[in-house]
Every structure is written in structure tokens, then in C-alpha cells.
Amino acid sequence: MVRVVGTDPGTSSLDLLLLVDGNVASQERLAPETLQRDPAALPALLQRWSPIDLVAGPSGYGLPLIRGDALTAQHLEEMSLVRPDQRGVDTGVLGFRSWVRAVAASGFPVVFLPGGVHLPTIPAHRKLNTIDLGTADKVAVAALALHFEASRSGGGWGGSTFAVVELGSAFSAVLVVERGRLVDAAAGTRGPIGARSGGCWDGEVAYWLSPLTKDHLFRGGLRDLGPDGPAAFRESLAKHVAGLQAVTPFERIYLSGAAADRPEIAALARAALAPLGTLIPLDSLPGAWVKHAAQGSALLADGLAGGRHAELVASLEFAGATGTVWDGLRLSQPGGPV
């Protein structure tokens, strides 16, 4: 009996899902304020769900399958990407670093999942001067979509080619799966406009506003753009999806994310994506109501623990995950990792 937990450290909550032999057994949503008030709430929840064979921990920008007992301070920097001058400031995903520490110190077997930049299936030239090719939670959403696509298409893992549009509460992402492998992405601050984020940056704007802070990355999205925002959001999404489609053709597009649950944003997404393919709302696992990233994370944990979803992990080539988020950088930055 394989018992695993998936997590999603989102901007608005920490979602957790317990799978037992691949089936939903329990789930929980913890608000950042709850965890700030009671840091023991997270390990206490895991204890209630024990025994646990593996926890897919909150992974941020991702790590190449690093176990919790091997986590270092450097690994935490890679996952959170917060400059030393900004630590201790309420910015980004509130409480993320403390969530990671709590899970790693919980005494349960923990693994931190890769982001797109760590996967060998994305060619090296697509990683140049890039960090965000899908954070670990976006990769988990793609894994959930692959789980459903492979089951429905009849072509198995190798017959699964599609895109996932994930409209989170802050950022948007588009991930492309070709023949069961994640091969490309436009995500976060190099992707489409999001509900809170302005998406990809104009370098001259970044220069003019510098020194930038993490908080800048959570601004300029749909909620900040006024009357022109809906048109900008719709066109930004269409341009990114169409651009990825020109390189890797796909016809089916799965739609996911907290922002996609808002009717006005879902309508904008449908208008942008309908001319580009068949739009499919991403399903949930039977009985699951937590966010899709927590569901996908749990499937990956199950596969990594030798459960029924081992072929899903194999298709995504997680065993070949390697490197750091900085490996593709070719820009000169004094004192920085290049």
C-alpha cells in the first residue's frame, strides 16, 4: 500500500493531497496566515496522515529530485530565488521558505521536484538565459494533464501531444508536452500576462525601474491594467500559445488554474485559445478539490515511490533531471551565478 502526499505552495494557499494506492484519501488547504500563526500545523497534518512513504515537498523553481535529508542552504536559494537583501520581507509566495524547512524537518521521507529547466526533455538551446520554464508546480499540472490525456487518447504516453495553459492566481504559464515529454514552456515573467503579473518583461522597462524587487514581479497583471487590460491579457495569451505551437504543433489545449475559475478570465482565455485548438478544462482526480498542482504533485510522488503512476514519471524522464536554475545563464552579472 503506497501512501504519498503532494503539495502546491501557491500564492494564496498551501494545498496538500494524500493518495493511497493512487486514490484520493484526504486533502487539506492551509492559509499562509494559519501557518504563520501555528508553524506546527504542517508537520501535525502529515503526522495525522502517517504512515507516509513519500512527500513531494513545496519545490518553488524546482530541484533535480533532491531528498529532504540532503537539502542544503544553497538548494533553498535555488527554489526560492530571493536575493539576500530581500529576505525577511513579505514578498513572493508568503512563507515559502518556512514551509520548505518545516517539511524537510518533519521526519517524513521528502523529495523536491524539478522545474522545467531541470528536465532533459527540454533542449538546451531553449534554456539559454532562462530560469522559468515552468516552476515545479506548473510541471505538476502538466503531469496531471498527461495522466488524463494518455488515458483518453488511446495512444498512451507516446501518443500524447498537447499544451497546458495554467492561469494561476498571480502568474500564467503555457507548457507543451510532445509524445509524453515536456519540451517547451512560456511561463511566469517570461510568459503571458497573468492575473497579477505582467508576464514577460521589456528589458528597457526593467532597466528604467531598477533596482527591481520581487514585488515588481507580482505587479502589472490584469488587475492593474485598467480598461485596456482584457485586450492585453487576451492577446498576450494568444501570442504565446501560437508562438509555441509554431515550433511544436499541437491541437489540444488544457486549461487550468485558480484564475481560470473566474468567469470573466475564463471567457478571455476561451476567446484567445479557441482559434488555436480544442480547449479542454482540466479535470480533477476523483474526489479531489485541491488545486491541480497538488494533484499532479501527488501523482508524481506516487510514481517516484513505485506506485501505479511510475510510468507517468518515466514518460516525463524525471530520473534525468539535473543542474540548477542558473545553468542556462549567459549574461554577465558581477558576483552572480553565471
Protein backbone atom coordinates (compact mmCIF):
# COMPACT_ATOMS: atom_id res chain seq x y z
CA MET A 1 0.00 0.00 0.00
CA VAL A 2 1.71 3.18 -1.23
CA ARG A 3 0.83 6.33 0.75
CA VAL A 4 2.10 9.64 -0.64
CA VAL A 5 1.43 13.35 -0.28
CA GLY A 6 1.51 16.02 -2.97
CA THR A 7 1.76 19.72 -2.21
CA ASP A 8 1.13 23.01 -4.00
CA PRO A 9 2.72 26.10 -2.41
CA GLY A 10 0.54 28.60 -4.23
CA THR A 11 0.37 32.35 -3.83
CA SER A 12 -2.90 32.12 -1.89
CA SER A 13 -2.63 28.79 -0.02
CA LEU A 14 -0.69 25.61 0.63
CA ASP A 15 -2.72 22.66 -0.68
CA LEU A 16 -1.93 19.04 0.25
CA LEU A 17 -3.35 15.79 -1.11
CA LEU A 18 -2.95 12.28 0.31
CA LEU A 19 -3.06 9.38 -2.16
CA VAL A 20 -3.32 5.77 -1.00
CA ASP A 21 -2.57 3.29 -3.76
CA GLY A 22 -3.19 6.04 -6.28
CA ASN A 23 -6.60 7.03 -4.91
CA VAL A 24 -7.56 10.22 -3.10
CA ALA A 25 -7.73 9.52 0.63
CA SER A 26 -7.62 13.01 2.18
CA GLN A 27 -6.83 16.61 1.34
CA GLU A 28 -6.31 19.92 3.10
CA ARG A 29 -5.90 23.63 2.34
CA LEU A 30 -3.80 25.72 4.71
CA ALA A 31 -3.78 29.51 4.53
CA PRO A 32 -0.42 31.30 4.87
CA GLU A 33 -1.81 33.15 7.88
CA THR A 34 -2.63 29.84 9.58
CA LEU A 35 0.91 28.56 9.07
CA GLN A 36 2.40 31.83 10.30
CA ARG A 37 0.26 31.65 13.42
CA ASP A 38 0.94 27.93 14.00
CA PRO A 39 4.16 26.70 12.32
CA ALA A 40 3.49 23.20 13.70
CA ALA A 41 0.26 22.87 11.69
CA LEU A 42 2.02 21.42 8.64
CA PRO A 43 4.01 18.64 10.35
CA ALA A 44 0.97 17.92 12.55
CA LEU A 45 -1.15 17.33 9.44
CA LEU A 46 1.47 14.96 7.99
CA GLN A 47 1.56 13.11 11.28
CA ARG A 48 -2.23 12.62 11.16
CA TRP A 49 -1.84 11.14 7.68
CA SER A 50 1.03 8.81 8.60
CA PRO A 51 2.39 6.38 7.67
CA ILE A 52 3.66 8.17 4.55
CA ASP A 53 6.04 6.67 2.01
CA LEU A 54 6.93 9.93 0.27
CA VAL A 55 6.05 13.63 0.37
CA ALA A 56 6.56 15.77 -2.72
CA GLY A 57 7.56 18.92 -0.89
CA PRO A 58 6.94 22.56 -1.83
CA SER A 59 9.54 22.95 -4.59
CA GLY A 60 9.32 26.50 -5.95
CA TYR A 61 11.53 26.83 -9.02
CA GLY A 62 12.50 23.20 -8.53
CA LEU A 63 15.37 20.89 -7.70
CA PRO A 64 16.51 17.73 -9.51
CA LEU A 65 14.82 15.24 -7.13
CA ILE A 66 16.75 16.29 -4.02
CA ARG A 67 15.70 14.40 -0.89
CA GLY A 68 14.69 16.32 2.20
CA ASP A 69 17.55 14.97 4.28
CA ALA A 70 20.03 16.21 1.64
CA LEU A 71 18.60 19.73 1.43
CA THR A 72 21.19 22.48 1.80
CA ALA A 73 21.02 26.24 2.18
CA GLN A 74 22.07 26.52 -1.45
CA HIS A 75 19.16 24.31 -2.52
CA LEU A 76 16.76 26.58 -0.66
CA GLU A 77 18.16 29.58 -2.52
CA GLU A 78 17.61 27.82 -5.85
CA MET A 79 14.00 27.01 -5.03
CA SER A 80 13.03 30.43 -3.68
CA LEU A 81 15.22 32.84 -5.72
CA VAL A 82 15.06 35.66 -3.20
CA ARG A 83 18.08 37.95 -3.09
CA PRO A 84 19.79 38.32 0.31
CA ASP A 85 18.73 41.98 0.52
CA GLN A 86 15.06 40.97 0.28
CA ARG A 87 14.91 38.11 2.77
CA GLY A 88 12.54 38.63 5.64
CA VAL A 89 10.30 40.88 3.53
CA ASP A 90 6.73 39.75 2.81
CA THR A 91 7.12 39.19 -0.90
CA GLY A 92 6.58 36.43 -3.45
CA VAL A 93 4.88 33.32 -2.07
CA LEU A 94 4.41 34.26 1.56
CA GLY A 95 6.04 31.78 3.93
CA PHE A 96 7.51 29.53 1.22
CA ARG A 97 10.96 29.13 2.81
CA SER A 98 9.47 28.26 6.19
CA TRP A 99 7.14 25.71 4.55
CA VAL A 100 10.14 24.03 2.94
CA ARG A 101 12.05 23.90 6.22
CA ALA A 102 9.02 22.51 8.06
CA VAL A 103 8.50 19.70 5.55
CA ALA A 104 12.21 18.85 5.36
CA ALA A 105 12.43 18.68 9.16
CA SER A 106 9.19 16.72 9.58
CA GLY A 107 10.92 13.33 9.78
CA PHE A 108 8.97 12.00 6.78
CA PRO A 109 10.67 11.00 3.51
CA VAL A 110 10.56 14.10 1.32
CA VAL A 111 11.60 14.81 -2.26
CA PHE A 112 11.72 18.17 -4.03
CA LEU A 113 10.51 18.04 -7.61
CA PRO A 114 12.18 19.53 -10.70
CA GLY A 115 11.09 22.53 -12.69
CA GLY A 116 11.07 22.51 -16.46
CA VAL A 117 14.61 23.89 -16.61
CA HIS A 118 15.93 20.72 -14.91
CA LEU A 119 14.34 18.25 -17.33
CA PRO A 120 16.44 16.69 -20.10
CA THR A 121 13.45 16.69 -22.45
CA ILE A 122 13.63 20.47 -22.94
CA PRO A 123 16.50 21.11 -25.38
CA ALA A 124 19.50 23.05 -24.08
CA HIS A 125 19.03 25.91 -26.54
CA ARG A 126 15.57 26.62 -25.06
CA LYS A 127 17.17 27.03 -21.61
CA LEU A 128 19.62 29.78 -22.60
CA ASN A 129 19.31 32.91 -20.43
CA THR A 130 16.21 31.38 -18.86
CA ILE A 131 15.23 30.33 -15.36
CA ASP A 132 11.47 29.82 -15.56
CA LEU A 133 10.46 27.09 -18.00
CA GLY A 134 7.66 26.12 -15.64
CA THR A 135 8.14 26.04 -11.89
CA ALA A 136 7.76 22.68 -10.17
CA ASP A 137 4.04 23.27 -9.52
CA LYS A 138 3.41 24.08 -13.21
CA VAL A 139 5.27 20.89 -14.19
CA ALA A 140 2.98 19.02 -11.79
CA VAL A 141 -0.08 20.46 -13.56
CA ALA A 142 1.36 19.24 -16.87
CA ALA A 143 1.81 15.81 -15.28
CA LEU A 144 -1.86 15.75 -14.26
CA ALA A 145 -2.90 16.71 -17.80
CA LEU A 146 -0.63 13.98 -19.22
CA HIS A 147 -2.26 11.46 -16.88
CA PHE A 148 -5.69 12.26 -18.35
CA GLU A 149 -4.52 12.71 -21.95
CA ALA A 150 -2.74 9.35 -22.07
CA SER A 151 -5.82 7.62 -20.67
CA ARG A 152 -8.26 9.27 -23.06
CA SER A 153 -6.35 9.40 -26.31
CA GLY A 154 -5.74 5.67 -26.56
CA GLY A 155 -2.22 6.40 -27.78
CA GLY A 156 -0.58 6.04 -24.38
CA TRP A 157 2.31 8.22 -23.28
CA GLY A 158 3.97 8.35 -26.69
CA GLY A 159 0.73 9.45 -28.34
CA SER A 160 0.18 12.40 -26.02
CA THR A 161 0.93 15.80 -27.56
CA PHE A 162 -0.84 18.87 -26.17
CA ALA A 163 -0.42 22.18 -24.34
CA VAL A 164 -1.43 23.20 -20.84
CA VAL A 165 -2.45 26.79 -20.11
CA GLU A 166 -2.25 27.36 -16.37
CA LEU A 167 -3.72 30.64 -15.19
CA GLY A 168 -2.67 30.91 -11.57
CA SER A 169 -3.77 33.48 -9.03
CA ALA A 170 -0.67 35.53 -9.91
CA PHE A 171 1.21 34.09 -12.91
CA SER A 172 0.27 32.45 -16.20
CA ALA A 173 2.12 29.60 -17.90
CA VAL A 174 1.93 27.63 -21.12
CA LEU A 175 3.64 24.22 -21.17
CA VAL A 176 3.99 22.00 -24.22
CA VAL A 177 4.06 18.20 -23.99
CA GLU A 178 5.14 16.29 -27.09
CA ARG A 179 4.83 12.50 -27.18
CA GLY A 180 4.58 12.37 -23.40
CA ARG A 181 7.59 14.62 -22.70
CA LEU A 182 7.69 18.24 -21.59
CA VAL A 183 9.58 20.03 -24.38
CA ASP A 184 8.86 23.77 -24.12
CA ALA A 185 7.22 26.45 -21.98
CA ALA A 186 6.48 30.15 -21.68
CA ALA A 187 5.87 30.82 -18.01
CA GLY A 188 5.88 33.39 -15.25
CA THR A 189 7.90 36.51 -16.03
CA ARG A 190 8.78 35.16 -19.49
CA GLY A 191 5.23 34.10 -20.29
CA PRO A 192 1.78 35.60 -20.84
CA ILE A 193 0.25 38.34 -18.73
CA GLY A 194 -1.19 36.91 -15.53
CA ALA A 195 -3.94 37.89 -13.12
CA ARG A 196 -1.38 39.78 -11.03
CA SER A 197 1.87 39.54 -13.02
CA GLY A 198 2.72 41.50 -16.14
CA GLY A 199 4.24 38.39 -17.74
CA CYS A 200 7.37 38.78 -19.85
CA TRP A 201 9.38 41.93 -19.26
CA ASP A 202 10.62 44.60 -21.65
CA GLY A 203 14.33 44.88 -20.81
CA GLU A 204 14.23 48.66 -21.10
CA VAL A 205 11.36 48.83 -18.61
CA ALA A 206 13.34 46.62 -16.22
CA TYR A 207 16.35 48.89 -16.64
CA TRP A 208 14.32 52.04 -16.05
CA LEU A 209 12.63 50.68 -12.90
CA SER A 210 15.76 49.10 -11.44
CA PRO A 211 16.69 48.15 -8.85
CA LEU A 212 13.84 45.67 -9.14
CA THR A 213 12.41 43.76 -6.21
CA LYS A 214 10.45 40.52 -6.12
CA ASP A 215 7.33 42.56 -5.55
CA HIS A 216 7.69 44.07 -9.04
CA LEU A 217 7.22 40.58 -10.50
CA PHE A 218 3.78 40.34 -8.87
CA ARG A 219 2.54 43.59 -10.47
CA GLY A 220 1.38 44.74 -13.88
CA GLY A 221 -1.14 41.98 -14.43
CA LEU A 222 -4.78 42.05 -15.43
CA ARG A 223 -5.90 43.62 -12.16
CA ASP A 224 -3.51 46.57 -12.65
CA LEU A 225 -4.08 47.35 -16.34
CA GLY A 226 -7.40 49.13 -16.29
CA PRO A 227 -9.78 49.25 -19.29
CA ASP A 228 -7.11 48.01 -21.73
CA GLY A 229 -6.27 45.02 -19.53
CA PRO A 230 -8.67 42.44 -21.01
CA ALA A 231 -7.46 43.04 -24.57
CA ALA A 232 -3.83 42.94 -23.46
CA PHE A 233 -4.38 39.73 -21.49
CA ARG A 234 -6.21 38.02 -24.35
CA GLU A 235 -3.64 38.94 -26.99
CA SER A 236 -0.68 38.09 -24.76
CA LEU A 237 -2.08 34.61 -24.18
CA ALA A 238 -2.81 34.06 -27.88
CA LYS A 239 0.66 35.23 -28.95
CA HIS A 240 2.47 32.94 -26.51
CA VAL A 241 0.39 29.86 -27.31
CA ALA A 242 0.60 30.47 -31.07
CA GLY A 243 4.35 31.02 -30.86
CA LEU A 244 4.91 27.74 -29.04
CA GLN A 245 2.54 26.00 -31.45
CA ALA A 246 4.60 27.22 -34.43
CA VAL A 247 7.62 25.33 -33.05
CA THR A 248 5.83 22.24 -31.68
CA PRO A 249 2.44 21.68 -33.33
CA PHE A 250 -0.41 20.65 -31.01
CA GLU A 251 -4.18 20.71 -31.27
CA ARG A 252 -5.47 20.03 -27.76
CA ILE A 253 -5.13 22.70 -25.07
CA TYR A 254 -5.90 22.01 -21.41
CA LEU A 255 -6.99 24.97 -19.27
CA SER A 256 -6.24 25.04 -15.55
CA GLY A 257 -5.60 27.42 -12.66
CA ALA A 258 -7.29 29.48 -9.98
CA ALA A 259 -7.75 32.47 -12.29
CA ALA A 260 -9.40 30.23 -14.89
CA ASP A 261 -12.18 29.60 -12.34
CA ARG A 262 -13.18 33.28 -12.62
CA PRO A 263 -15.82 33.56 -15.38
CA GLU A 264 -14.50 36.83 -16.80
CA ILE A 265 -10.94 35.47 -17.11
CA ALA A 266 -12.12 32.11 -18.46
CA ALA A 267 -14.04 34.00 -21.17
CA LEU A 268 -10.89 35.90 -22.17
CA ALA A 269 -8.93 32.63 -22.30
CA ARG A 270 -11.56 30.96 -24.47
CA ALA A 271 -11.56 33.90 -26.88
CA ALA A 272 -7.77 33.75 -27.14
CA LEU A 273 -7.43 29.98 -27.47
CA ALA A 274 -10.46 28.82 -29.46
CA PRO A 275 -8.87 29.66 -32.84
CA LEU A 276 -5.74 27.69 -31.90
CA GLY A 277 -7.16 24.29 -31.00
CA THR A 278 -9.60 22.28 -28.93
CA LEU A 279 -9.88 23.79 -25.46
CA ILE A 280 -10.43 21.31 -22.62
CA PRO A 281 -10.97 22.23 -18.95
CA LEU A 282 -8.53 20.13 -16.94
CA ASP A 283 -10.32 17.53 -14.81
CA SER A 284 -9.57 16.67 -11.21
CA LEU A 285 -8.79 13.25 -9.79
CA PRO A 286 -11.93 11.51 -8.48
CA GLY A 287 -12.82 13.10 -5.16
CA ALA A 288 -10.15 15.81 -5.30
CA TRP A 289 -10.93 19.51 -4.80
CA VAL A 290 -7.47 20.90 -4.02
CA LYS A 291 -5.57 22.75 -6.75
CA HIS A 292 -4.40 20.83 -9.79
CA ALA A 293 -0.73 21.30 -8.89
CA ALA A 294 -1.23 19.42 -5.62
CA GLN A 295 -2.96 16.62 -7.53
CA GLY A 296 -0.19 16.35 -10.10
CA SER A 297 2.43 16.53 -7.38
CA ALA A 298 0.77 13.60 -5.61
CA LEU A 299 0.73 11.54 -8.82
CA LEU A 300 4.45 12.21 -9.25
CA ALA A 301 5.13 11.27 -5.62
CA ASP A 302 3.21 8.03 -6.15
CA GLY A 303 5.25 7.21 -9.23
CA LEU A 304 8.54 8.04 -7.53
CA ALA A 305 7.55 5.77 -4.62
CA GLY A 306 6.99 2.86 -7.03
CA GLY A 307 3.20 3.18 -7.16
CA ARG A 308 0.82 2.80 -10.07
CA HIS A 309 1.92 6.09 -11.63
CA ALA A 310 5.55 5.07 -12.14
CA GLU A 311 5.09 5.15 -15.93
CA LEU A 312 4.00 8.80 -15.73
CA VAL A 313 7.28 9.68 -14.02
CA ALA A 314 9.20 7.63 -16.57
CA SER A 315 7.49 9.37 -19.50
CA LEU A 316 8.49 12.78 -18.14
CA GLU A 317 12.06 11.48 -17.66
CA PHE A 318 12.33 12.73 -14.09
CA ALA A 319 15.25 10.37 -13.48
CA GLY A 320 17.30 12.51 -15.84
CA ALA A 321 16.59 15.80 -14.04
CA THR A 322 19.81 17.65 -13.31
CA GLY A 323 21.51 21.00 -12.90
CA THR A 324 20.48 24.29 -11.31
CA VAL A 325 18.17 27.12 -12.28
CA TRP A 326 21.23 29.22 -13.18
CA ASP A 327 22.89 26.82 -15.63
CA GLY A 328 21.47 28.42 -18.76
CA LEU A 329 22.51 31.98 -17.93
CA ARG A 330 24.97 33.57 -20.33
CA LEU A 331 24.56 37.16 -19.15
CA SER A 332 27.36 38.86 -17.24
CA GLN A 333 26.33 39.70 -13.69
CA PRO A 334 29.12 40.69 -11.31
CA GLY A 335 29.08 38.44 -8.29
CA GLY A 336 26.17 36.38 -9.60
CA PRO A 337 25.91 32.73 -10.70
CA VAL A 338 26.50 32.53 -14.44
